[in-house]
């Protein structure tokens, strides 16, 4: 019985740690995407969006979506409301 409780404790700690790291990564991506999205909208308005800028935005956006999917596959899907960004 003690063995099972120890395993549950270890699994809970690992789960909590990974969820916290994923959440922090999402917060960092939110900050980056807010800046990049505004720059993208400004550049699209002026008609001067470069290929490298689009690729940088796409990379950040895809990482953000992938992190959300990873976190939302857990129970946190119903707790946190993450912002939506323009799809590249």
Protein backbone atom coordinates (compact mmCIF):
# COMPACT_ATOMS: atom_id res chain seq x y z
CA UNK A 1 0.00 0.00 0.00
CA UNK A 2 2.83 2.35 0.88
CA UNK A 3 4.42 1.60 -2.50
CA UNK A 4 1.25 2.60 -4.37
CA UNK A 5 0.93 5.84 -2.42
CA UNK A 6 4.56 6.67 -3.16
CA UNK A 7 4.01 6.06 -6.87
CA UNK A 8 0.89 8.25 -6.83
CA UNK A 9 2.81 11.01 -5.09
CA UNK A 10 5.65 10.86 -7.62
CA UNK A 11 3.19 10.82 -10.54
CA UNK A 12 1.33 13.81 -9.08
CA UNK A 13 4.54 15.78 -8.64
CA UNK A 14 5.66 15.01 -12.21
CA UNK A 15 2.25 15.87 -13.62
CA UNK A 16 2.08 19.14 -11.70
CA UNK A 17 5.61 20.10 -12.70
CA UNK A 18 5.03 19.42 -16.39
CA UNK A 19 1.71 21.26 -16.35
CA UNK A 20 3.34 24.27 -14.67
CA UNK A 21 6.20 24.32 -17.20
CA UNK A 22 3.76 24.10 -20.09
CA UNK A 23 1.62 26.88 -18.64
CA UNK A 24 4.68 29.12 -18.22
CA UNK A 25 5.75 28.41 -21.80
CA UNK A 26 2.28 29.39 -23.01
CA UNK A 27 2.49 32.66 -21.10
CA UNK A 28 5.82 33.46 -22.75
CA UNK A 29 4.39 32.67 -26.19
CA UNK A 30 1.38 34.90 -25.48
CA UNK A 31 3.70 37.84 -24.83
CA UNK A 32 5.67 37.17 -28.03
CA UNK A 33 2.56 36.65 -30.15
CA UNK A 34 0.95 39.87 -28.92
CA UNK A 35 3.93 41.82 -30.24
CA UNK A 36 4.28 39.80 -33.44
CA UNK A 37 0.57 39.95 -34.23
CA UNK A 38 0.53 43.73 -33.92
CA UNK A 39 3.61 43.98 -36.15
CA UNK A 40 2.00 41.60 -38.67
CA UNK A 41 -1.18 43.65 -38.82
CA UNK A 42 0.80 46.87 -39.28
CA UNK A 43 2.95 45.34 -42.01
CA UNK A 44 -0.06 43.83 -43.79
CA UNK A 45 -1.71 47.23 -43.73
CA UNK A 46 1.36 48.74 -45.39
CA UNK A 47 1.78 45.73 -47.69
CA UNK A 48 5.34 44.96 -46.69
CA UNK A 49 5.20 41.58 -44.97
CA UNK A 50 8.44 39.70 -45.62
CA UNK A 51 8.75 35.94 -45.95
CA UNK A 52 11.10 35.71 -42.95
CA UNK A 53 8.69 37.66 -40.75
CA UNK A 54 5.81 35.39 -41.79
CA UNK A 55 7.94 32.35 -40.97
CA UNK A 56 8.86 33.75 -37.55
CA UNK A 57 5.19 34.43 -36.80
CA UNK A 58 4.19 30.99 -38.07
CA UNK A 59 6.81 29.31 -35.87
CA UNK A 60 5.65 31.14 -32.73
CA UNK A 61 1.99 30.53 -33.57
CA UNK A 62 2.50 26.80 -34.16
CA UNK A 63 4.46 26.44 -30.92
CA UNK A 64 1.68 28.29 -29.05
CA UNK A 65 -1.00 26.01 -30.51
CA UNK A 66 1.05 22.88 -29.81
CA UNK A 67 1.58 23.91 -26.18
CA UNK A 68 -2.13 24.64 -25.78
CA UNK A 69 -3.06 21.25 -27.17
CA UNK A 70 -0.64 19.58 -24.78
CA UNK A 71 -1.99 21.49 -21.79
CA UNK A 72 -5.62 21.16 -22.84
CA UNK A 73 -5.31 17.42 -23.10
CA UNK A 74 -5.15 17.56 -19.33
CA UNK A 75 -7.88 18.79 -16.98
CA UNK A 76 -6.75 22.43 -17.34
CA UNK A 77 -8.68 22.66 -20.60
CA UNK A 78 -11.71 23.90 -18.71
CA UNK A 79 -9.92 26.22 -16.31
CA UNK A 80 -7.76 28.52 -18.45
CA UNK A 81 -9.01 30.73 -21.25
CA UNK A 82 -6.14 31.52 -23.58
CA UNK A 83 -6.40 34.28 -26.21
CA UNK A 84 -6.90 33.53 -29.89
CA UNK A 85 -4.46 34.93 -32.45
CA UNK A 86 -4.66 35.45 -36.18
CA UNK A 87 -3.88 32.25 -38.03
CA UNK A 88 -1.00 32.68 -40.45
